Amino acid sequence: MVGDPALFAVSVQASTDPADAVLEALVAGRLDEAQRRADRMNASSPDSPFRVRALAADVRSARGEHEEAIGAYRVLLAETLGGPQEAVVRQHLGKALFAAGQLTAARAEFDVALRRRSAAGAASGLVASSRLARDRVDELIAGA
């Protein structure tokens, strides 16, 4: 995650990657702008890079368009199964499912993300993020 949004905004100005502008707008909470930028990038290339499509799904999720985000993450998941991006997609899919109130499905995605990240020797913060998300869902399910 971005620690200092203002500093990140300055660094984006020097970036040549148009996806950075989508991320900056998303982080700053300018969701309409982020959506327009992501849609424009996806429309300009039928084979948009993974990162652009993932950002577009992140924007949908942030806008509360959970079903659209879930659908987009599922497409990305099908493309990344068994690859290095699978755990990232599963974590984001889990967050969208969680936000949509689909706790059992969210828990399953967080659990797989945790196992994949642990097996791959991912950074401790990423492993902890998946573990905390899974454990939080467990608490909510147990309390229901």
Protein backbone atom coordinates (compact mmCIF):
# COMPACT_ATOMS: atom_id res chain seq x y z
CA MET A 1 0.00 0.00 0.00
CA VAL A 2 1.05 3.59 -0.46
CA GLY A 3 2.45 5.12 2.73
CA ASP A 4 2.43 8.78 1.68
CA PRO A 5 -0.20 9.61 -0.98
CA ALA A 6 1.22 13.11 -1.57
CA LEU A 7 4.73 11.78 -2.18
CA PHE A 8 3.30 9.05 -4.40
CA ALA A 9 1.40 11.67 -6.45
CA VAL A 10 4.67 13.52 -7.06
CA SER A 11 6.44 10.34 -8.15
CA VAL A 12 3.58 9.49 -10.53
CA GLN A 13 4.09 12.79 -12.34
CA ALA A 14 7.54 11.57 -13.38
CA SER A 15 6.31 8.11 -14.34
CA THR A 16 5.96 6.97 -17.93
CA ASP A 17 3.59 4.14 -16.95
CA PRO A 18 -0.02 5.30 -17.47
CA ALA A 19 -1.22 2.68 -14.97
CA ASP A 20 0.49 4.70 -12.23
CA ALA A 21 -1.99 7.53 -12.85
CA VAL A 22 -4.87 5.09 -12.29
CA LEU A 23 -3.30 3.92 -9.04
CA GLU A 24 -2.64 7.47 -7.85
CA ALA A 25 -6.28 8.49 -8.50
CA LEU A 26 -7.46 5.34 -6.71
CA VAL A 27 -5.24 5.99 -3.68
CA ALA A 28 -6.36 9.63 -3.56
CA GLY A 29 -10.01 8.56 -3.60
CA ARG A 30 -10.77 10.07 -7.01
CA LEU A 31 -12.66 6.98 -8.04
CA ASP A 32 -14.48 8.44 -11.06
CA GLU A 33 -11.16 9.62 -12.49
CA ALA A 34 -9.52 6.28 -11.73
CA GLN A 35 -12.39 4.48 -13.47
CA ARG A 36 -12.20 6.71 -16.55
CA ARG A 37 -8.44 6.23 -16.82
CA ALA A 38 -8.65 2.46 -16.38
CA ASP A 39 -11.50 2.17 -18.88
CA ARG A 40 -9.59 4.26 -21.41
CA MET A 41 -6.49 2.10 -21.04
CA ASN A 42 -8.47 -1.13 -21.37
CA ALA A 43 -10.38 0.18 -24.41
CA SER A 44 -7.16 1.16 -26.17
CA SER A 45 -5.79 -2.37 -26.00
CA PRO A 46 -7.92 -5.51 -26.20
CA ASP A 47 -5.05 -7.38 -24.55
CA SER A 48 -4.48 -4.96 -21.70
CA PRO A 49 -1.67 -5.94 -19.38
CA PHE A 50 -2.52 -7.83 -16.20
CA ARG A 51 -1.70 -4.81 -14.05
CA VAL A 52 -4.16 -2.54 -15.88
CA ARG A 53 -6.98 -5.05 -15.65
CA ALA A 54 -6.23 -5.71 -11.99
CA LEU A 55 -6.30 -1.98 -11.27
CA ALA A 56 -9.62 -1.68 -13.09
CA ALA A 57 -11.02 -4.42 -10.84
CA ASP A 58 -9.58 -2.65 -7.78
CA VAL A 59 -11.36 0.55 -8.82
CA ARG A 60 -14.66 -1.31 -9.27
CA SER A 61 -14.26 -2.80 -5.81
CA ALA A 62 -13.47 0.59 -4.25
CA ARG A 63 -16.58 2.03 -5.93
CA GLY A 64 -18.71 -0.66 -4.29
CA GLU A 65 -19.31 -2.44 -7.61
CA HIS A 66 -18.57 -5.76 -5.96
CA GLU A 67 -20.11 -8.16 -8.48
CA GLU A 68 -18.28 -6.47 -11.37
CA ALA A 69 -15.02 -6.58 -9.41
CA ILE A 70 -15.55 -10.22 -8.46
CA GLY A 71 -16.19 -11.11 -12.10
CA ALA A 72 -13.05 -9.29 -13.23
CA TYR A 73 -10.93 -10.95 -10.54
CA ARG A 74 -12.29 -14.39 -11.53
CA VAL A 75 -11.18 -13.78 -15.13
CA LEU A 76 -7.73 -12.75 -13.88
CA LEU A 77 -7.61 -15.79 -11.61
CA ALA A 78 -8.29 -18.13 -14.52
CA GLU A 79 -5.33 -16.56 -16.32
CA THR A 80 -2.95 -16.75 -13.37
CA LEU A 81 -3.65 -20.20 -11.88
CA GLY A 82 -0.36 -21.78 -10.88
CA GLY A 83 1.61 -18.64 -11.68
CA PRO A 84 3.33 -16.02 -9.55
CA GLN A 85 0.34 -13.63 -9.64
CA GLU A 86 -2.23 -16.17 -8.44
CA ALA A 87 -1.89 -15.32 -4.75
CA VAL A 88 -2.27 -11.59 -5.45
CA VAL A 89 -5.44 -12.16 -7.45
CA ARG A 90 -6.86 -14.50 -4.81
CA GLN A 91 -6.19 -11.92 -2.08
CA HIS A 92 -7.95 -9.18 -4.04
CA LEU A 93 -10.81 -11.52 -4.97
CA GLY A 94 -11.13 -12.39 -1.29
CA LYS A 95 -11.37 -8.70 -0.38
CA ALA A 96 -14.10 -8.12 -2.97
CA LEU A 97 -16.02 -11.18 -1.78
CA PHE A 98 -15.64 -9.99 1.82
CA ALA A 99 -16.97 -6.54 0.92
CA ALA A 100 -19.91 -8.20 -0.86
CA GLY A 101 -20.71 -10.18 2.29
CA GLN A 102 -19.72 -13.54 0.78
CA LEU A 103 -17.71 -14.58 3.81
CA THR A 104 -17.33 -18.31 3.13
CA ALA A 105 -16.05 -17.67 -0.39
CA ALA A 106 -13.79 -14.87 0.87
CA ARG A 107 -12.32 -17.17 3.50
CA ALA A 108 -11.53 -19.80 0.88
CA GLU A 109 -9.68 -17.26 -1.29
CA PHE A 110 -7.73 -15.81 1.65
CA ASP A 111 -6.75 -19.33 2.73
CA VAL A 112 -5.43 -20.26 -0.72
CA ALA A 113 -3.63 -16.90 -0.97
CA LEU A 114 -2.01 -17.60 2.41
CA ARG A 115 -0.90 -21.08 1.37
CA ARG A 116 0.47 -19.87 -1.98
CA ARG A 117 2.30 -16.94 -0.41
CA SER A 118 3.77 -19.11 2.34
CA ALA A 119 4.90 -21.78 -0.12
CA ALA A 120 6.50 -19.17 -2.38
CA GLY A 121 8.41 -17.55 0.47
CA ALA A 122 6.60 -14.25 -0.04
CA ALA A 123 7.44 -11.23 2.07
CA SER A 124 6.28 -11.57 5.66
CA GLY A 125 3.89 -8.63 5.29
CA LEU A 126 2.07 -10.34 2.43
CA VAL A 127 1.79 -13.60 4.35
CA ALA A 128 0.55 -11.71 7.41
CA SER A 129 -2.02 -9.84 5.32
CA SER A 130 -3.52 -13.09 4.05
CA ARG A 131 -3.45 -14.66 7.51
CA LEU A 132 -5.11 -11.64 9.14
CA ALA A 133 -7.80 -11.50 6.47
CA ARG A 134 -8.56 -15.22 6.80
CA ASP A 135 -8.60 -15.02 10.60
CA ARG A 136 -10.92 -11.99 10.55
CA VAL A 137 -13.39 -13.86 8.35
CA ASP A 138 -13.17 -16.84 10.73
CA GLU A 139 -14.07 -14.51 13.63
CA LEU A 140 -17.06 -13.11 11.76
CA ILE A 141 -18.31 -16.54 10.72
CA ALA A 142 -17.92 -17.88 14.28
CA GLY A 143 -19.82 -14.89 15.67
CA ALA A 144 -22.71 -15.24 13.24
